[in-house]
Amino acid sequence: MKILRPLMAGVFLLSVGACATAPKPDYSRFFEHHPRSLVIVPAINKTTAVEAPIVFNTTATKPFAERGYYVYPVFLTRDILNDLGLSDEGLIAQAQPQRFREIFGADAVLFVTVNTWATTYVVLASSVTVEANYKLVDSDSGEVIWERTERVVETSGGGGGGGLGGLVARAISAALTAILVDYRPLARKMNTLAVDKPGQGLPAGPYRSEYKQDYPNYRH
């Protein structure tokens, strides 16, 4: 019986850990500012994939626009910033948020950092991982009014049945995934999850019928 007690205590702790949920994000500053328009600046790249921010930028506008916000065209934004000498991601990150209000008249600025953009290949299986941090900053006060990190992983090569034929099929599937990776669908999925996830994404913007009506879902 004495031996069982530590085991039961361990099981209890594991159960509590499994049931625990992450704390709900604080939306108080978001509710104070009610942004209507967003400017998405070129993404900061923390990976070794030089194409990551360009591919990501092609997928960034739609989810935020569909959530009910006016979003300035991403590549037009990039060109304007280039003309103003803000072509480097480091300079953009250091610029005061008020500067973006002066240039674009936007209520908020979305800074995105691409943390992971990689394919892992291990003969019979491969996985593609994308992860990004989203930080929405009020362009008047400079306050962070929403922040979220989202990650998407897609695996390939697990099917194909048993036997030698199955092994060959899995190996081919994994190899093709590793070679012919299209990151855009994963980036789109990541953006959609970041924006639409109930209680953690963005409340509906002014161009959605549920604007301000869904705020209770995002309160503590």
Protein backbone atom coordinates (compact mmCIF):
# COMPACT_ATOMS: atom_id res chain seq x y z
CA MET A 1 0.00 0.00 0.00
CA LYS A 2 2.88 2.35 0.82
CA ILE A 3 4.37 1.58 -2.56
CA LEU A 4 1.11 2.37 -4.33
CA ARG A 5 0.70 5.81 -2.75
CA PRO A 6 3.62 7.46 -4.62
CA LEU A 7 2.40 5.85 -7.84
CA MET A 8 -1.13 7.16 -7.28
CA ALA A 9 0.26 10.59 -6.46
CA GLY A 10 2.22 10.54 -9.73
CA VAL A 11 -0.88 9.55 -11.69
CA PHE A 12 -2.82 12.37 -10.01
CA LEU A 13 -0.16 14.93 -10.93
CA LEU A 14 -0.10 13.70 -14.52
CA SER A 15 -3.88 13.97 -14.69
CA VAL A 16 -3.83 17.50 -13.35
CA GLY A 17 -1.12 18.45 -15.87
CA ALA A 18 -3.12 16.96 -18.73
CA CYS A 19 -6.26 18.86 -17.74
CA ALA A 20 -4.51 22.18 -17.26
CA THR A 21 -5.14 24.76 -19.97
CA ALA A 22 -3.07 27.73 -21.04
CA PRO A 23 -4.17 31.06 -19.58
CA LYS A 24 -6.46 33.08 -21.78
CA PRO A 25 -4.77 36.04 -23.52
CA ASP A 26 -5.46 39.52 -22.17
CA TYR A 27 -7.52 41.51 -24.69
CA SER A 28 -8.05 44.61 -22.54
CA ARG A 29 -5.72 46.80 -24.62
CA PHE A 30 -7.26 45.51 -27.83
CA PHE A 31 -10.72 46.50 -26.62
CA GLU A 32 -9.43 49.96 -25.72
CA HIS A 33 -8.25 50.69 -29.25
CA HIS A 34 -10.66 48.80 -31.56
CA PRO A 35 -8.40 48.87 -34.65
CA ARG A 36 -10.13 49.11 -38.00
CA SER A 37 -7.17 49.07 -40.39
CA LEU A 38 -3.91 47.12 -40.33
CA VAL A 39 -0.63 47.46 -42.14
CA ILE A 40 1.38 44.24 -42.34
CA VAL A 41 5.08 45.05 -42.62
CA PRO A 42 7.56 42.62 -44.24
CA ALA A 43 8.12 39.61 -42.01
CA ILE A 44 11.28 39.22 -39.94
CA ASN A 45 13.09 36.01 -40.86
CA LYS A 46 14.74 34.02 -38.05
CA THR A 47 15.30 30.95 -40.22
CA THR A 48 17.92 29.93 -42.77
CA ALA A 49 15.29 29.80 -45.54
CA VAL A 50 15.80 33.05 -47.43
CA GLU A 51 12.49 32.65 -49.28
CA ALA A 52 10.43 32.28 -46.08
CA PRO A 53 9.35 35.94 -45.59
CA ILE A 54 8.46 36.41 -49.28
CA VAL A 55 6.35 33.25 -49.40
CA PHE A 56 4.78 34.12 -46.05
CA ASN A 57 3.88 37.62 -47.23
CA THR A 58 1.90 36.17 -50.14
CA THR A 59 -0.42 34.45 -47.62
CA ALA A 60 -0.72 37.12 -44.93
CA THR A 61 -3.42 39.50 -46.17
CA LYS A 62 -6.44 37.26 -46.75
CA PRO A 63 -7.06 35.86 -43.23
CA PHE A 64 -6.92 39.30 -41.62
CA ALA A 65 -9.11 40.86 -44.30
CA GLU A 66 -11.64 38.04 -43.98
CA ARG A 67 -11.68 38.63 -40.24
CA GLY A 68 -13.13 42.07 -40.93
CA TYR A 69 -10.18 44.47 -41.09
CA TYR A 70 -8.97 46.74 -43.84
CA VAL A 71 -5.48 45.48 -44.71
CA TYR A 72 -3.10 47.55 -46.78
CA PRO A 73 -1.65 45.55 -49.71
CA VAL A 74 1.45 43.81 -48.42
CA PHE A 75 3.69 44.24 -51.43
CA LEU A 76 2.63 47.85 -51.99
CA THR A 77 3.51 48.43 -48.32
CA ARG A 78 6.93 46.86 -48.92
CA ASP A 79 7.56 49.07 -51.97
CA ILE A 80 6.58 52.24 -50.11
CA LEU A 81 8.84 51.34 -47.19
CA ASN A 82 11.68 50.63 -49.64
CA ASP A 83 11.23 54.07 -51.19
CA LEU A 84 11.47 55.59 -47.71
CA GLY A 85 14.70 53.76 -46.95
CA LEU A 86 13.07 51.12 -44.71
CA SER A 87 14.08 48.12 -46.76
CA ASP A 88 15.84 46.20 -44.00
CA GLU A 89 13.75 44.14 -41.60
CA GLY A 90 15.88 45.35 -38.70
CA LEU A 91 15.17 49.00 -39.51
CA ILE A 92 11.46 48.26 -39.85
CA ALA A 93 11.39 46.52 -36.46
CA GLN A 94 13.10 49.52 -34.84
CA ALA A 95 10.82 52.13 -36.42
CA GLN A 96 8.34 53.82 -34.10
CA PRO A 97 4.75 52.59 -34.65
CA GLN A 98 3.64 56.21 -35.03
CA ARG A 99 5.76 56.35 -38.18
CA PHE A 100 3.45 53.81 -39.84
CA ARG A 101 0.41 55.88 -38.91
CA GLU A 102 2.03 58.89 -40.59
CA ILE A 103 2.79 56.92 -43.75
CA PHE A 104 -0.29 54.74 -44.10
CA GLY A 105 -2.88 56.12 -41.69
CA ALA A 106 -3.29 52.62 -40.27
CA ASP A 107 -4.71 52.03 -36.79
CA ALA A 108 -2.32 49.17 -36.06
CA VAL A 109 0.86 47.56 -37.35
CA LEU A 110 1.31 43.80 -37.58
CA PHE A 111 4.87 42.61 -37.02
CA VAL A 112 5.45 38.96 -37.92
CA THR A 113 8.54 36.93 -37.06
CA VAL A 114 9.01 33.66 -38.93
CA ASN A 115 10.65 31.33 -36.39
CA THR A 116 10.56 27.97 -38.20
CA TRP A 117 10.38 27.12 -41.89
CA ALA A 118 11.89 23.70 -42.37
CA THR A 119 11.55 20.17 -43.72
CA THR A 120 12.88 17.15 -41.82
CA TYR A 121 13.49 13.95 -43.81
CA VAL A 122 14.17 10.59 -42.15
CA VAL A 123 13.95 8.00 -44.98
CA LEU A 124 10.42 6.67 -44.37
CA ALA A 125 8.83 9.89 -43.16
CA SER A 126 9.22 13.61 -43.53
CA SER A 127 7.68 16.57 -41.76
CA VAL A 128 7.27 20.19 -42.75
CA THR A 129 7.05 22.77 -39.97
CA VAL A 130 6.17 26.45 -40.08
CA GLU A 131 5.93 28.69 -37.03
CA ALA A 132 5.48 32.42 -36.67
CA ASN A 133 4.92 35.01 -33.97
CA TYR A 134 2.31 37.71 -34.61
CA LYS A 135 2.45 41.02 -32.78
CA LEU A 136 -0.20 43.68 -33.38
CA VAL A 137 0.84 47.14 -32.18
CA ASP A 138 -1.37 50.20 -31.85
CA SER A 139 0.11 52.83 -34.17
CA ASP A 140 -0.78 55.72 -31.86
CA SER A 141 0.23 54.55 -28.39
CA GLY A 142 2.79 51.93 -29.44
CA GLU A 143 1.15 49.35 -27.16
CA VAL A 144 1.05 45.67 -28.09
CA ILE A 145 -2.68 44.96 -28.32
CA TRP A 146 -2.55 41.35 -29.52
CA GLU A 147 0.17 38.72 -29.72
CA ARG A 148 0.13 35.09 -30.70
CA THR A 149 2.48 32.31 -31.79
CA GLU A 150 1.14 29.66 -34.15
CA ARG A 151 2.78 26.47 -35.41
CA VAL A 152 1.73 23.97 -38.09
CA VAL A 153 3.37 20.59 -38.74
CA GLU A 154 2.53 18.33 -41.67
CA THR A 155 3.93 14.80 -41.91
CA SER A 156 4.17 12.54 -44.95
CA GLY A 157 5.25 8.98 -45.67
CA GLY A 158 3.31 7.17 -42.97
CA GLY A 159 0.93 5.28 -45.29
CA GLY A 160 1.46 2.77 -48.06
CA GLY A 161 0.53 -0.54 -46.39
CA GLY A 162 2.82 -3.28 -45.11
CA GLY A 163 5.62 -5.32 -46.61
CA LEU A 164 8.39 -4.23 -48.95
CA GLY A 165 5.96 -2.43 -51.25
CA GLY A 166 4.66 -0.39 -48.34
CA LEU A 167 8.17 0.57 -47.27
CA VAL A 168 9.04 1.67 -50.79
CA ALA A 169 5.83 3.69 -51.09
CA ARG A 170 6.47 5.43 -47.78
CA ALA A 171 10.06 6.20 -48.70
CA ILE A 172 9.01 7.67 -52.06
CA SER A 173 6.26 9.75 -50.45
CA ALA A 174 8.63 11.10 -47.81
CA ALA A 175 11.35 11.87 -50.37
CA LEU A 176 8.93 13.71 -52.66
CA THR A 177 7.65 15.75 -49.72
CA ALA A 178 11.19 16.67 -48.75
CA ILE A 179 12.07 17.74 -52.31
CA LEU A 180 8.85 19.28 -53.61
CA VAL A 181 7.67 21.27 -50.61
CA ASP A 182 5.11 24.00 -51.19
CA TYR A 183 5.03 26.02 -47.99
CA ARG A 184 2.15 28.28 -49.03
CA PRO A 185 -0.70 25.95 -47.92
CA LEU A 186 0.94 25.52 -44.51
CA ALA A 187 1.49 29.27 -44.17
CA ARG A 188 -2.15 29.90 -45.07
CA LYS A 189 -3.27 27.33 -42.51
CA MET A 190 -1.01 28.88 -39.86
CA ASN A 191 -2.37 32.38 -40.52
CA THR A 192 -5.96 31.18 -40.43
CA LEU A 193 -5.43 29.34 -37.14
CA ALA A 194 -3.73 32.37 -35.60
CA VAL A 195 -6.59 34.68 -36.54
CA ASP A 196 -9.66 32.45 -36.20
CA LYS A 197 -8.94 30.33 -33.12
CA PRO A 198 -11.83 31.01 -30.67
CA GLY A 199 -10.80 32.98 -27.61
CA GLN A 200 -7.21 33.33 -28.82
CA GLY A 201 -7.35 34.80 -32.31
CA LEU A 202 -8.55 38.24 -33.36
CA PRO A 203 -12.04 39.43 -32.46
CA ALA A 204 -14.12 40.27 -35.52
CA GLY A 205 -13.24 43.55 -37.19
CA PRO A 206 -15.60 46.37 -38.21
CA TYR A 207 -16.28 44.83 -41.62
CA ARG A 208 -17.84 41.73 -40.11
CA SER A 209 -21.44 41.56 -38.91
CA GLU A 210 -20.40 40.26 -35.47
CA TYR A 211 -18.12 43.25 -34.81
CA LYS A 212 -17.98 43.87 -31.02
CA GLN A 213 -20.70 41.25 -30.50
CA ASP A 214 -18.11 38.49 -30.12
CA TYR A 215 -16.03 40.38 -27.53
CA PRO A 216 -17.45 38.31 -24.62
CA ASN A 217 -15.73 35.26 -26.14
CA TYR A 218 -12.37 36.95 -25.63
CA ARG A 219 -12.80 38.26 -22.13
CA HIS A 220 -11.41 36.53 -19.04
